[in-house]
C-alpha atoms as a PDB file:
ATOM      1  CA  MET A   1      49.875  74.791 232.333  1.00  0.00           C
ATOM      2  CA  SER A   2      53.188  76.564 232.847  1.00  0.00           C
ATOM      3  CA  ASP A   3      53.791  79.132 235.573  1.00  0.00           C
ATOM      4  CA  THR A   4      53.889  81.861 232.894  1.00  0.00           C
ATOM      5  CA  THR A   5      50.581  80.714 231.392  1.00  0.00           C
ATOM      6  CA  ASP A   6      48.937  80.620 234.830  1.00  0.00           C
ATOM      7  CA  ALA A   7      50.276  84.072 235.733  1.00  0.00           C
ATOM      8  CA  LEU A   8      49.168  85.575 232.407  1.00  0.00           C
ATOM      9  CA  ALA A   9      45.691  84.099 232.821  1.00  0.00           C
ATOM     10  CA  ALA A  10      45.362  85.987 236.126  1.00  0.00           C
ATOM     11  CA  MET A  11      46.164  89.362 234.488  1.00  0.00           C
ATOM     12  CA  PRO A  12      43.474  91.793 233.314  1.00  0.00           C
ATOM     13  CA  PRO A  13      42.623  91.601 229.575  1.00  0.00           C
ATOM     14  CA  VAL A  14      44.700  93.783 227.226  1.00  0.00           C
ATOM     15  CA  THR A  15      41.965  94.301 224.625  1.00  0.00           C
ATOM     16  CA  GLY A  16      41.675  98.002 223.816  1.00  0.00           C
ATOM     17  CA  THR A  17      44.783  98.953 225.816  1.00  0.00           C
ATOM     18  CA  LEU A  18      48.070 100.572 224.849  1.00  0.00           C
ATOM     19  CA  LEU A  19      49.711  97.138 225.058  1.00  0.00           C
ATOM     20  CA  GLU A  20      47.473  95.855 222.285  1.00  0.00           C
ATOM     21  CA  ARG A  21      48.025  98.941 220.094  1.00  0.00           C
ATOM     22  CA  MET A  22      51.805  98.657 220.448  1.00  0.00           C
ATOM     23  CA  GLY A  23      51.893  94.906 219.874  1.00  0.00           C
ATOM     24  CA  ILE A  24      53.497  94.091 223.235  1.00  0.00           C
ATOM     25  CA  GLU A  25      53.603  90.383 224.053  1.00  0.00           C
ATOM     26  CA  VAL A  26      54.626  88.982 227.427  1.00  0.00           C
ATOM     27  CA  LEU A  27      56.718  85.850 226.867  1.00  0.00           C
ATOM     28  CA  GLU A  28      57.875  84.934 230.377  1.00  0.00           C
ATOM     29  CA  LEU A  29      56.304  86.076 233.636  1.00  0.00           C
ATOM     30  CA  SER A  30      57.369  85.822 237.257  1.00  0.00           C
ATOM     31  CA  ALA A  31      57.885  88.271 240.103  1.00  0.00           C
ATOM     32  CA  ASP A  32      61.669  87.988 239.720  1.00  0.00           C
ATOM     33  CA  ARG A  33      61.963  88.211 235.931  1.00  0.00           C
ATOM     34  CA  THR A  34      59.569  89.088 233.133  1.00  0.00           C
ATOM     35  CA  VAL A  35      60.357  89.093 229.406  1.00  0.00           C
ATOM     36  CA  GLY A  36      58.344  90.577 226.563  1.00  0.00           C
ATOM     37  CA  SER A  37      58.667  91.817 223.012  1.00  0.00           C
ATOM     38  CA  MET A  38      57.306  94.497 220.719  1.00  0.00           C
ATOM     39  CA  PRO A  39      57.632  95.209 216.983  1.00  0.00           C
ATOM     40  CA  VAL A  40      59.567  98.278 215.898  1.00  0.00           C
ATOM     41  CA  GLU A  41      57.136  98.849 213.029  1.00  0.00           C
ATOM     42  CA  GLY A  42      54.277 101.050 214.197  1.00  0.00           C
ATOM     43  CA  ASN A  43      56.288 102.244 217.218  1.00  0.00           C
ATOM     44  CA  THR A  44      58.668 104.674 215.519  1.00  0.00           C
ATOM     45  CA  GLN A  45      59.203 108.404 215.616  1.00  0.00           C
ATOM     46  CA  PRO A  46      59.136 110.483 212.391  1.00  0.00           C
ATOM     47  CA  TYR A  47      62.763 109.595 211.504  1.00  0.00           C
ATOM     48  CA  GLY A  48      61.914 105.887 211.317  1.00  0.00           C
ATOM     49  CA  LEU A  49      63.672 104.983 214.563  1.00  0.00           C
ATOM     50  CA  LEU A  50      62.091 103.164 217.488  1.00  0.00           C
ATOM     51  CA  HIS A  51      60.495 105.869 219.627  1.00  0.00           C
ATOM     52  CA  GLY A  52      62.122 106.251 223.045  1.00  0.00           C
ATOM     53  CA  GLY A  53      58.653 106.458 224.560  1.00  0.00           C
ATOM     54  CA  ALA A  54      57.856 103.036 223.099  1.00  0.00           C
ATOM     55  CA  SER A  55      60.877 101.571 224.889  1.00  0.00           C
ATOM     56  CA  ALA A  56      59.686 103.240 228.101  1.00  0.00           C
ATOM     57  CA  VAL A  57      56.186 101.782 227.661  1.00  0.00           C
ATOM     58  CA  LEU A  58      57.661  98.307 227.129  1.00  0.00           C
ATOM     59  CA  ALA A  59      59.843  98.730 230.231  1.00  0.00           C
ATOM     60  CA  GLU A  60      56.997  99.906 232.456  1.00  0.00           C
ATOM     61  CA  THR A  61      54.701  97.183 231.146  1.00  0.00           C
ATOM     62  CA  LEU A  62      57.150  94.388 231.925  1.00  0.00           C
ATOM     63  CA  ALA A  63      58.009  95.766 235.366  1.00  0.00           C
ATOM     64  CA  SER A  64      54.326  96.277 236.188  1.00  0.00           C
ATOM     65  CA  TYR A  65      53.437  92.730 235.145  1.00  0.00           C
ATOM     66  CA  ALA A  66      56.243  91.331 237.304  1.00  0.00           C
ATOM     67  CA  ALA A  67      55.226  93.550 240.235  1.00  0.00           C
ATOM     68  CA  GLN A  68      51.619  92.402 239.848  1.00  0.00           C
ATOM     69  CA  VAL A  69      52.708  88.784 240.244  1.00  0.00           C
ATOM     70  CA  HIS A  70      54.679  89.800 243.353  1.00  0.00           C
ATOM     71  CA  ALA A  71      51.709  91.783 244.749  1.00  0.00           C
ATOM     72  CA  GLY A  72      49.349  88.819 244.505  1.00  0.00           C
ATOM     73  CA  ALA A  73      45.576  88.518 244.420  1.00  0.00           C
ATOM     74  CA  GLY A  74      43.572  91.459 245.701  1.00  0.00           C
ATOM     75  CA  ARG A  75      46.415  93.913 245.124  1.00  0.00           C
ATOM     76  CA  ALA A  76      47.445  96.032 242.139  1.00  0.00           C
ATOM     77  CA  ALA A  77      50.845  97.216 240.941  1.00  0.00           C
ATOM     78  CA  VAL A  78      50.924 100.785 239.633  1.00  0.00           C
ATOM     79  CA  GLY A  79      53.972 102.478 238.146  1.00  0.00           C
ATOM     80  CA  ILE A  80      55.120 105.507 240.135  1.00  0.00           C
ATOM     81  CA  GLU A  81      58.568 106.198 238.659  1.00  0.00           C
ATOM     82  CA  ILE A  82      60.514 105.403 235.509  1.00  0.00           C
ATOM     83  CA  ASN A  83      63.996 106.403 234.426  1.00  0.00           C
ATOM     84  CA  ALA A  84      65.176 105.364 230.962  1.00  0.00           C
ATOM     85  CA  THR A  85      68.494 105.815 229.191  1.00  0.00           C
ATOM     86  CA  HIS A  86      68.375 105.272 225.423  1.00  0.00           C
ATOM     87  CA  HIS A  87      71.744 103.957 224.225  1.00  0.00           C
ATOM     88  CA  ARG A  88      70.875 103.377 220.568  1.00  0.00           C
ATOM     89  CA  SER A  89      67.792 102.725 218.467  1.00  0.00           C
ATOM     90  CA  ALA A  90      66.387 100.239 215.967  1.00  0.00           C
ATOM     91  CA  ARG A  91      64.770 100.716 212.552  1.00  0.00           C
ATOM     92  CA  SER A  92      63.121  97.336 212.094  1.00  0.00           C
ATOM     93  CA  GLY A  93      62.455  93.952 213.616  1.00  0.00           C
ATOM     94  CA  VAL A  94      61.376  93.101 217.123  1.00  0.00           C
ATOM     95  CA  VAL A  95      62.820  94.400 220.380  1.00  0.00           C
ATOM     96  CA  THR A  96      62.833  92.351 223.562  1.00  0.00           C
ATOM     97  CA  GLY A  97      62.807  93.598 227.128  1.00  0.00           C
ATOM     98  CA  ALA A  98      63.717  91.765 230.313  1.00  0.00           C
ATOM     99  CA  ALA A  99      62.675  93.129 233.710  1.00  0.00           C
ATOM    100  CA  THR A 100      64.771  91.873 236.622  1.00  0.00           C
ATOM    101  CA  ALA A 101      63.745  92.532 240.228  1.00  0.00           C
ATOM    102  CA  LEU A 102      65.934  94.881 242.255  1.00  0.00           C
ATOM    103  CA  HIS A 103      63.647  95.143 245.314  1.00  0.00           C
ATOM    104  CA  LEU A 104      60.492  93.213 246.191  1.00  0.00           C
ATOM    105  CA  GLY A 105      58.914  94.800 249.248  1.00  0.00           C
ATOM    106  CA  SER A 106      55.441  94.871 250.743  1.00  0.00           C
ATOM    107  CA  SER A 107      54.569  98.294 249.318  1.00  0.00           C
ATOM    108  CA  LEU A 108      57.128  98.885 246.538  1.00  0.00           C
ATOM    109  CA  ALA A 109      58.766  96.772 243.853  1.00  0.00           C
ATOM    110  CA  SER A 110      61.642  98.040 241.688  1.00  0.00           C
ATOM    111  CA  TYR A 111      63.033  96.558 238.479  1.00  0.00           C
ATOM    112  CA  GLU A 112      65.861  97.074 236.032  1.00  0.00           C
ATOM    113  CA  VAL A 113      64.628  96.602 232.483  1.00  0.00           C
ATOM    114  CA  VAL A 114      67.000  96.025 229.571  1.00  0.00           C
ATOM    115  CA  VAL A 115      65.613  96.410 226.040  1.00  0.00           C
ATOM    116  CA  GLU A 116      67.631  94.794 223.240  1.00  0.00           C
ATOM    117  CA  ASP A 117      67.364  94.448 219.471  1.00  0.00           C
ATOM    118  CA  GLU A 118      67.336  91.130 217.609  1.00  0.00           C
ATOM    119  CA  ASP A 119      71.155  91.073 217.598  1.00  0.00           C
ATOM    120  CA  GLY A 120      71.321  91.410 221.392  1.00  0.00           C
ATOM    121  CA  ARG A 121      72.479  95.047 221.306  1.00  0.00           C
ATOM    122  CA  ARG A 122      71.272  97.054 224.290  1.00  0.00           C
ATOM    123  CA  LEU A 123      68.940  99.821 223.191  1.00  0.00           C
ATOM    124  CA  CYS A 124      67.613 101.044 226.521  1.00  0.00           C
ATOM    125  CA  THR A 125      68.203 100.571 230.226  1.00  0.00           C
ATOM    126  CA  ALA A 126      65.320 101.554 232.491  1.00  0.00           C
ATOM    127  CA  ARG A 127      64.570 101.464 236.186  1.00  0.00           C
ATOM    128  CA  VAL A 128      60.908 101.212 237.143  1.00  0.00           C
ATOM    129  CA  THR A 129      59.303 101.429 240.584  1.00  0.00           C
ATOM    130  CA  CYS A 130      55.763 100.228 241.210  1.00  0.00           C
ATOM    131  CA  MET A 131      53.606 100.860 244.254  1.00  0.00           C
ATOM    132  CA  LEU A 132      51.610  97.876 245.468  1.00  0.00           C
ATOM    133  CA  ILE A 133      48.121  98.917 246.520  1.00  0.00           C
ATOM    134  CA  ASP A 134      44.833  97.257 247.418  1.00  0.00           C
ATOM    135  CA  ALA A 135      42.913  96.591 244.194  1.00  0.00           C
ATOM    136  CA  ARG A 136      39.690  98.504 243.631  1.00  0.00           C
ATOM    137  CA  ARG A 137      36.670  96.484 242.702  1.00  0.00           C
END
């Protein structure tokens, strides 16, 4: 198994979650860098453009997954802050986000997340901070 496959297997199931409804797929997973994608279709606002909130959900998802890997077993990563700048939008296709670690501490992890369209144009830049807490059983 690859490191990504092992890390994904350790994550909670996504069945019935927002990730499943939005079609988010995690493609690469590590504490330092996580990549995922999401279809534009089904995640648009009334004008047919990718909803800015969908980009924010993708960004927080990728950062939270990466932070969870950093946190390790018995701990949970929970988003506590997100800042997103929407540079442009997309009308179709698949968008891809990449979360890159900015800070990996014992209680906080912060990431920059860049969301791009299929042509590599930057759609959104986000910064996400996750708190690392003891997991509840």
